[in-house]
Amino acid sequence: MTLTIDFVKIKGNDEEKIAIAKCGNCHLYCELKVPKVLDRVDVYNKIVDLSYDNKLSECEKTEEMKLEEGNIEEDEEQ
């Protein structure tokens, strides 16, 4: 599985950020609001847990259902 995870800042929210996970094989697109202290490996494990619990629908979105307008900005964290 080729899962990439990126983060996006939420304007006006210093406690949380949006984690965006994309799979190159199955084309999963998943957005989760997570605490700012979580790293990519933590988000990966959360997605794996959701998958095992058959709850991926809680974060799964299509590529067209991108980020909410105006309240998030790209994070420089890589």
PDB file of N, CA and C in Angstrom:
ATOM      1  N   MET A   1       0.850  -1.177   0.000  1.00  0.00           N
ATOM      2  CA  MET A   1       0.000   0.000   0.000  1.00  0.00           C
ATOM      3  C   MET A   1       0.893   1.236   0.000  1.00  0.00           C
ATOM      4  N   THR A   2       0.574   2.186  -0.853  1.00  0.00           N
ATOM      5  CA  THR A   2       1.293   3.439  -0.926  1.00  0.00           C
ATOM      6  C   THR A   2       0.417   4.521  -0.323  1.00  0.00           C
ATOM      7  N   LEU A   3       0.601   4.785   0.956  1.00  0.00           N
ATOM      8  CA  LEU A   3      -0.224   5.757   1.652  1.00  0.00           C
ATOM      9  C   LEU A   3       0.623   6.983   1.966  1.00  0.00           C
ATOM     10  N   THR A   4       0.207   8.129   1.444  1.00  0.00           N
ATOM     11  CA  THR A   4       0.894   9.369   1.771  1.00  0.00           C
ATOM     12  C   THR A   4      -0.001  10.195   2.684  1.00  0.00           C
ATOM     13  N   ILE A   5       0.626  10.859   3.630  1.00  0.00           N
ATOM     14  CA  ILE A   5      -0.116  11.643   4.606  1.00  0.00           C
ATOM     15  C   ILE A   5       0.455  13.050   4.639  1.00  0.00           C
ATOM     16  N   ASP A   6      -0.414  14.026   4.458  1.00  0.00           N
ATOM     17  CA  ASP A   6      -0.040  15.432   4.535  1.00  0.00           C
ATOM     18  C   ASP A   6      -0.911  16.111   5.578  1.00  0.00           C
ATOM     19  N   PHE A   7      -0.463  17.263   6.032  1.00  0.00           N
ATOM     20  CA  PHE A   7      -1.209  18.019   7.027  1.00  0.00           C
ATOM     21  C   PHE A   7      -1.558  19.397   6.495  1.00  0.00           C
ATOM     22  N   VAL A   8      -2.695  19.901   6.950  1.00  0.00           N
ATOM     23  CA  VAL A   8      -3.166  21.232   6.602  1.00  0.00           C
ATOM     24  C   VAL A   8      -3.556  21.928   7.897  1.00  0.00           C
ATOM     25  N   LYS A   9      -3.114  23.173   8.043  1.00  0.00           N
ATOM     26  CA  LYS A   9      -3.471  23.956   9.227  1.00  0.00           C
ATOM     27  C   LYS A   9      -4.928  24.379   9.153  1.00  0.00           C
ATOM     28  N   ILE A  10      -5.528  24.520  10.309  1.00  0.00           N
ATOM     29  CA  ILE A  10      -6.883  25.055  10.413  1.00  0.00           C
ATOM     30  C   ILE A  10      -6.749  26.467  10.966  1.00  0.00           C
ATOM     31  N   LYS A  11      -7.179  27.451  10.191  1.00  0.00           N
ATOM     32  CA  LYS A  11      -7.078  28.850  10.635  1.00  0.00           C
ATOM     33  C   LYS A  11      -7.841  29.051  11.941  1.00  0.00           C
ATOM     34  N   GLY A  12      -7.195  29.699  12.876  1.00  0.00           N
ATOM     35  CA  GLY A  12      -7.853  30.011  14.144  1.00  0.00           C
ATOM     36  C   GLY A  12      -7.912  28.842  15.107  1.00  0.00           C
ATOM     37  N   ASN A  13      -7.259  27.733  14.783  1.00  0.00           N
ATOM     38  CA  ASN A  13      -7.276  26.562  15.660  1.00  0.00           C
ATOM     39  C   ASN A  13      -5.833  26.125  15.903  1.00  0.00           C
ATOM     40  N   ASP A  14      -5.318  26.436  17.084  1.00  0.00           N
ATOM     41  CA  ASP A  14      -3.941  26.085  17.416  1.00  0.00           C
ATOM     42  C   ASP A  14      -3.822  24.690  18.020  1.00  0.00           C
ATOM     43  N   GLU A  15      -4.946  24.017  18.225  1.00  0.00           N
ATOM     44  CA  GLU A  15      -4.952  22.708  18.878  1.00  0.00           C
ATOM     45  C   GLU A  15      -5.033  21.540  17.888  1.00  0.00           C
ATOM     46  N   GLU A  16      -5.623  21.783  16.714  1.00  0.00           N
ATOM     47  CA  GLU A  16      -5.864  20.690  15.773  1.00  0.00           C
ATOM     48  C   GLU A  16      -5.386  21.048  14.370  1.00  0.00           C
ATOM     49  N   LYS A  17      -5.277  20.024  13.544  1.00  0.00           N
ATOM     50  CA  LYS A  17      -4.945  20.180  12.125  1.00  0.00           C
ATOM     51  C   LYS A  17      -5.699  19.105  11.357  1.00  0.00           C
ATOM     52  N   ILE A  18      -5.743  19.250  10.036  1.00  0.00           N
ATOM     53  CA  ILE A  18      -6.379  18.255   9.176  1.00  0.00           C
ATOM     54  C   ILE A  18      -5.291  17.349   8.622  1.00  0.00           C
ATOM     55  N   ALA A  19      -5.482  16.053   8.777  1.00  0.00           N
ATOM     56  CA  ALA A  19      -4.584  15.066   8.176  1.00  0.00           C
ATOM     57  C   ALA A  19      -5.265  14.546   6.915  1.00  0.00           C
ATOM     58  N   ILE A  20      -4.538  14.552   5.811  1.00  0.00           N
ATOM     59  CA  ILE A  20      -5.077  14.064   4.542  1.00  0.00           C
ATOM     60  C   ILE A  20      -4.253  12.857   4.117  1.00  0.00           C
ATOM     61  N   ALA A  21      -4.920  11.720   4.007  1.00  0.00           N
ATOM     62  CA  ALA A  21      -4.247  10.486   3.604  1.00  0.00           C
ATOM     63  C   ALA A  21      -4.751  10.082   2.228  1.00  0.00           C
ATOM     64  N   LYS A  22      -3.810   9.721   1.348  1.00  0.00           N
ATOM     65  CA  LYS A  22      -4.155   9.281  -0.002  1.00  0.00           C
ATOM     66  C   LYS A  22      -3.405   7.988  -0.285  1.00  0.00           C
ATOM     67  N   CYS A  23      -4.104   7.017  -0.857  1.00  0.00           N
ATOM     68  CA  CYS A  23      -3.484   5.754  -1.235  1.00  0.00           C
ATOM     69  C   CYS A  23      -3.345   5.708  -2.753  1.00  0.00           C
ATOM     70  N   GLY A  24      -2.126   5.437  -3.210  1.00  0.00           N
ATOM     71  CA  GLY A  24      -1.862   5.350  -4.643  1.00  0.00           C
ATOM     72  C   GLY A  24      -2.401   4.086  -5.278  1.00  0.00           C
ATOM     73  N   ASN A  25      -2.647   3.042  -4.476  1.00  0.00           N
ATOM     74  CA  ASN A  25      -3.141   1.777  -5.026  1.00  0.00           C
ATOM     75  C   ASN A  25      -4.664   1.724  -5.099  1.00  0.00           C
ATOM     76  N   CYS A  26      -5.328   2.001  -3.986  1.00  0.00           N
ATOM     77  CA  CYS A  26      -6.795   1.848  -3.946  1.00  0.00           C
ATOM     78  C   CYS A  26      -7.525   3.183  -4.092  1.00  0.00           C
ATOM     79  N   HIS A  27      -6.779   4.303  -4.188  1.00  0.00           N
ATOM     80  CA  HIS A  27      -7.330   5.644  -4.367  1.00  0.00           C
ATOM     81  C   HIS A  27      -8.174   6.115  -3.191  1.00  0.00           C
ATOM     82  N   LEU A  28      -7.881   5.585  -2.003  1.00  0.00           N
ATOM     83  CA  LEU A  28      -8.522   6.072  -0.795  1.00  0.00           C
ATOM     84  C   LEU A  28      -8.153   7.537  -0.608  1.00  0.00           C
ATOM     85  N   TYR A  29      -9.112   8.345  -0.223  1.00  0.00           N
ATOM     86  CA  TYR A  29      -8.869   9.737   0.130  1.00  0.00           C
ATOM     87  C   TYR A  29      -9.560   9.955   1.460  1.00  0.00           C
ATOM     88  N   CYS A  30      -8.791  10.301   2.464  1.00  0.00           N
ATOM     89  CA  CYS A  30      -9.320  10.349   3.819  1.00  0.00           C
ATOM     90  C   CYS A  30      -8.858  11.625   4.502  1.00  0.00           C
ATOM     91  N   GLU A  31      -9.774  12.354   5.115  1.00  0.00           N
ATOM     92  CA  GLU A  31      -9.453  13.543   5.890  1.00  0.00           C
ATOM     93  C   GLU A  31      -9.885  13.319   7.325  1.00  0.00           C
ATOM     94  N   LEU A  32      -8.984  13.618   8.244  1.00  0.00           N
ATOM     95  CA  LEU A  32      -9.278  13.499   9.670  1.00  0.00           C
ATOM     96  C   LEU A  32      -8.826  14.759  10.387  1.00  0.00           C
ATOM     97  N   LYS A  33      -9.630  15.243  11.305  1.00  0.00           N
ATOM     98  CA  LYS A  33      -9.202  16.326  12.185  1.00  0.00           C
ATOM     99  C   LYS A  33      -8.477  15.655  13.349  1.00  0.00           C
ATOM    100  N   VAL A  34      -7.212  16.023  13.545  1.00  0.00           N
ATOM    101  CA  VAL A  34      -6.385  15.362  14.559  1.00  0.00           C
ATOM    102  C   VAL A  34      -5.706  16.416  15.436  1.00  0.00           C
ATOM    103  N   PRO A  35      -5.299  16.018  16.651  1.00  0.00           N
ATOM    104  CA  PRO A  35      -4.526  16.945  17.485  1.00  0.00           C
ATOM    105  C   PRO A  35      -3.220  17.325  16.791  1.00  0.00           C
ATOM    106  N   LYS A  36      -2.774  18.541  17.007  1.00  0.00           N
ATOM    107  CA  LYS A  36      -1.588  19.055  16.343  1.00  0.00           C
ATOM    108  C   LYS A  36      -0.330  18.253  16.678  1.00  0.00           C
ATOM    109  N   VAL A  37      -0.307  17.569  17.812  1.00  0.00           N
ATOM    110  CA  VAL A  37       0.885  16.833  18.246  1.00  0.00           C
ATOM    111  C   VAL A  37       1.081  15.518  17.490  1.00  0.00           C
ATOM    112  N   LEU A  38       0.066  15.043  16.767  1.00  0.00           N
ATOM    113  CA  LEU A  38       0.198  13.769  16.052  1.00  0.00           C
ATOM    114  C   LEU A  38       1.101  13.920  14.834  1.00  0.00           C
ATOM    115  N   ASP A  39       1.865  12.874  14.569  1.00  0.00           N
ATOM    116  CA  ASP A  39       2.758  12.835  13.419  1.00  0.00           C
ATOM    117  C   ASP A  39       2.170  11.880  12.375  1.00  0.00           C
ATOM    118  N   ARG A  40       2.840  11.752  11.246  1.00  0.00           N
ATOM    119  CA  ARG A  40       2.345  10.905  10.153  1.00  0.00           C
ATOM    120  C   ARG A  40       2.130   9.447  10.590  1.00  0.00           C
ATOM    121  N   VAL A  41       3.055   8.915  11.368  1.00  0.00           N
ATOM    122  CA  VAL A  41       2.922   7.524  11.800  1.00  0.00           C
ATOM    123  C   VAL A  41       1.689   7.337  12.682  1.00  0.00           C
ATOM    124  N   ASP A  42       1.351   8.338  13.481  1.00  0.00           N
ATOM    125  CA  ASP A  42       0.157   8.261  14.323  1.00  0.00           C
ATOM    126  C   ASP A  42      -1.113   8.247  13.473  1.00  0.00           C
ATOM    127  N   VAL A  43      -1.143   9.079  12.452  1.00  0.00           N
ATOM    128  CA  VAL A  43      -2.301   9.130  11.553  1.00  0.00           C
ATOM    129  C   VAL A  43      -2.404   7.821  10.773  1.00  0.00           C
ATOM    130  N   TYR A  44      -1.267   7.310  10.304  1.00  0.00           N
ATOM    131  CA  TYR A  44      -1.254   6.025   9.592  1.00  0.00           C
ATOM    132  C   TYR A  44      -1.885   4.949  10.483  1.00  0.00           C
ATOM    133  N   ASN A  45      -1.456   4.879  11.731  1.00  0.00           N
ATOM    134  CA  ASN A  45      -1.996   3.868  12.647  1.00  0.00           C
ATOM    135  C   ASN A  45      -3.483   4.078  12.904  1.00  0.00           C
ATOM    136  N   LYS A  46      -3.922   5.322  12.981  1.00  0.00           N
ATOM    137  CA  LYS A  46      -5.353   5.596  13.175  1.00  0.00           C
ATOM    138  C   LYS A  46      -6.160   5.100  11.978  1.00  0.00           C
ATOM    139  N   ILE A  47      -5.644   5.313  10.772  1.00  0.00           N
ATOM    140  CA  ILE A  47      -6.341   4.855   9.568  1.00  0.00           C
ATOM    141  C   ILE A  47      -6.371   3.330   9.506  1.00  0.00           C
ATOM    142  N   VAL A  48      -5.276   2.692   9.878  1.00  0.00           N
ATOM    143  CA  VAL A  48      -5.247   1.224   9.928  1.00  0.00           C
ATOM    144  C   VAL A  48      -6.281   0.717  10.935  1.00  0.00           C
ATOM    145  N   ASP A  49      -6.356   1.357  12.099  1.00  0.00           N
ATOM    146  CA  ASP A  49      -7.352   0.970  13.101  1.00  0.00           C
ATOM    147  C   ASP A  49      -8.772   1.130  12.565  1.00  0.00           C
ATOM    148  N   LEU A  50      -9.039   2.257  11.892  1.00  0.00           N
ATOM    149  CA  LEU A  50     -10.365   2.461  11.298  1.00  0.00           C
ATOM    150  C   LEU A  50     -10.672   1.384  10.270  1.00  0.00           C
ATOM    151  N   SER A  51      -9.660   1.000   9.510  1.00  0.00           N
ATOM    152  CA  SER A  51      -9.840  -0.030   8.492  1.00  0.00           C
ATOM    153  C   SER A  51     -10.189  -1.377   9.130  1.00  0.00           C
ATOM    154  N   TYR A  52      -9.438  -1.763  10.155  1.00  0.00           N
ATOM    155  CA  TYR A  52      -9.700  -3.036  10.840  1.00  0.00           C
ATOM    156  C   TYR A  52     -11.063  -3.042  11.523  1.00  0.00           C
ATOM    157  N   ASP A  53     -11.501  -1.877  11.994  1.00  0.00           N
ATOM    158  CA  ASP A  53     -12.809  -1.771  12.642  1.00  0.00           C
ATOM    159  C   ASP A  53     -13.930  -1.543  11.634  1.00  0.00           C
ATOM    160  N   ASN A  54     -13.583  -1.569  10.333  1.00  0.00           N
ATOM    161  CA  ASN A  54     -14.549  -1.358   9.254  1.00  0.00           C
ATOM    162  C   ASN A  54     -15.262  -0.003   9.402  1.00  0.00           C
ATOM    163  N   LYS A  55     -14.493   1.039   9.735  1.00  0.00           N
ATOM    164  CA  LYS A  55     -15.055   2.373   9.951  1.00  0.00           C
ATOM    165  C   LYS A  55     -14.393   3.423   9.064  1.00  0.00           C
ATOM    166  N   LEU A  56     -13.804   3.010   7.950  1.00  0.00           N
ATOM    167  CA  LEU A  56     -13.152   3.979   7.072  1.00  0.00           C
ATOM    168  C   LEU A  56     -14.121   5.017   6.526  1.00  0.00           C
ATOM    169  N   SER A  57     -15.393   4.693   6.504  1.00  0.00           N
ATOM    170  CA  SER A  57     -16.377   5.648   5.995  1.00  0.00           C
ATOM    171  C   SER A  57     -16.426   6.916   6.843  1.00  0.00           C
ATOM    172  N   GLU A  58     -15.883   6.865   8.069  1.00  0.00           N
ATOM    173  CA  GLU A  58     -15.854   8.046   8.935  1.00  0.00           C
ATOM    174  C   GLU A  58     -14.928   9.130   8.395  1.00  0.00           C
ATOM    175  N   CYS A  59     -13.966   8.739   7.551  1.00  0.00           N
ATOM    176  CA  CYS A  59     -13.029   9.742   7.046  1.00  0.00           C
ATOM    177  C   CYS A  59     -12.911   9.722   5.533  1.00  0.00           C
ATOM    178  N   GLU A  60     -13.490   8.742   4.883  1.00  0.00           N
ATOM    179  CA  GLU A  60     -13.311   8.578   3.450  1.00  0.00           C
ATOM    180  C   GLU A  60     -14.064   9.648   2.673  1.00  0.00           C
ATOM    181  N   LYS A  61     -13.385  10.204   1.688  1.00  0.00           N
ATOM    182  CA  LYS A  61     -13.988  11.205   0.822  1.00  0.00           C
ATOM    183  C   LYS A  61     -13.456  10.997  -0.581  1.00  0.00           C
ATOM    184  N   THR A  62     -14.162  11.549  -1.531  1.00  0.00           N
ATOM    185  CA  THR A  62     -13.659  11.487  -2.895  1.00  0.00           C
ATOM    186  C   THR A  62     -12.738  12.670  -3.136  1.00  0.00           C
ATOM    187  N   GLU A  63     -11.955  12.602  -4.168  1.00  0.00           N
ATOM    188  CA  GLU A  63     -11.006  13.660  -4.501  1.00  0.00           C
ATOM    189  C   GLU A  63     -11.735  14.991  -4.717  1.00  0.00           C
ATOM    190  N   GLU A  64     -12.989  14.959  -5.178  1.00  0.00           N
ATOM    191  CA  GLU A  64     -13.747  16.181  -5.435  1.00  0.00           C
ATOM    192  C   GLU A  64     -14.196  16.870  -4.155  1.00  0.00           C
ATOM    193  N   MET A  65     -14.304  16.127  -3.069  1.00  0.00           N
ATOM    194  CA  MET A  65     -14.768  16.702  -1.803  1.00  0.00           C
ATOM    195  C   MET A  65     -13.573  17.252  -1.035  1.00  0.00           C
ATOM    196  N   LYS A  66     -12.824  18.131  -1.661  1.00  0.00           N
ATOM    197  CA  LYS A  66     -11.584  18.667  -1.088  1.00  0.00           C
ATOM    198  C   LYS A  66     -11.853  19.488   0.167  1.00  0.00           C
ATOM    199  N   LEU A  67     -10.856  20.199   0.577  1.00  0.00           N
ATOM    200  CA  LEU A  67     -10.852  20.941   1.827  1.00  0.00           C
ATOM    201  C   LEU A  67     -11.929  22.022   1.876  1.00  0.00           C
ATOM    202  N   GLU A  68     -12.440  22.248   3.065  1.00  0.00           N
ATOM    203  CA  GLU A  68     -13.474  23.266   3.243  1.00  0.00           C
ATOM    204  C   GLU A  68     -12.947  24.629   2.822  1.00  0.00           C
ATOM    205  N   GLU A  69     -13.805  25.413   2.228  1.00  0.00           N
ATOM    206  CA  GLU A  69     -13.396  26.693   1.666  1.00  0.00           C
ATOM    207  C   GLU A  69     -13.072  27.723   2.736  1.00  0.00           C
ATOM    208  N   GLY A  70     -11.853  28.276   2.608  1.00  0.00           N
ATOM    209  CA  GLY A  70     -11.479  29.427   3.391  1.00  0.00           C
ATOM    210  C   GLY A  70     -11.010  29.222   4.821  1.00  0.00           C
ATOM    211  N   ASN A  71     -11.139  28.037   5.424  1.00  0.00           N
ATOM    212  CA  ASN A  71     -10.752  27.940   6.830  1.00  0.00           C
ATOM    213  C   ASN A  71      -9.521  27.067   7.065  1.00  0.00           C
ATOM    214  N   ILE A  72      -8.857  26.607   5.997  1.00  0.00           N
ATOM    215  CA  ILE A  72      -7.628  25.848   6.174  1.00  0.00           C
ATOM    216  C   ILE A  72      -6.588  26.332   5.188  1.00  0.00           C
ATOM    217  N   GLU A  73      -5.334  26.099   5.524  1.00  0.00           N
ATOM    218  CA  GLU A  73      -4.242  26.517   4.654  1.00  0.00           C
ATOM    219  C   GLU A  73      -3.191  25.421   4.652  1.00  0.00           C
ATOM    220  N   GLU A  74      -2.441  25.323   3.575  1.00  0.00           N
ATOM    221  CA  GLU A  74      -1.415  24.300   3.451  1.00  0.00           C
ATOM    222  C   GLU A  74      -0.387  24.443   4.558  1.00  0.00           C
ATOM    223  N   ASP A  75       0.025  23.304   5.118  1.00  0.00           N
ATOM    224  CA  ASP A  75       1.038  23.271   6.157  1.00  0.00           C
ATOM    225  C   ASP A  75       2.388  23.004   5.515  1.00  0.00           C
ATOM    226  N   GLU A  76       3.414  23.634   6.008  1.00  0.00           N
ATOM    227  CA  GLU A  76       4.760  23.441   5.475  1.00  0.00           C
ATOM    228  C   GLU A  76       5.403  22.178   6.036  1.00  0.00           C
ATOM    229  N   GLU A  77       4.767  21.532   6.993  1.00  0.00           N
ATOM    230  CA  GLU A  77       5.318  20.343   7.638  1.00  0.00           C
ATOM    231  C   GLU A  77       5.409  19.201   6.649  1.00  0.00           C
ATOM    232  N   GLN A  78       6.577  18.629   6.474  1.00  0.00           N
ATOM    233  CA  GLN A  78       6.764  17.508   5.549  1.00  0.00           C
ATOM    234  C   GLN A  78       7.344  16.332   6.250  1.00  0.00           C
TER     235      GLN A  78
END
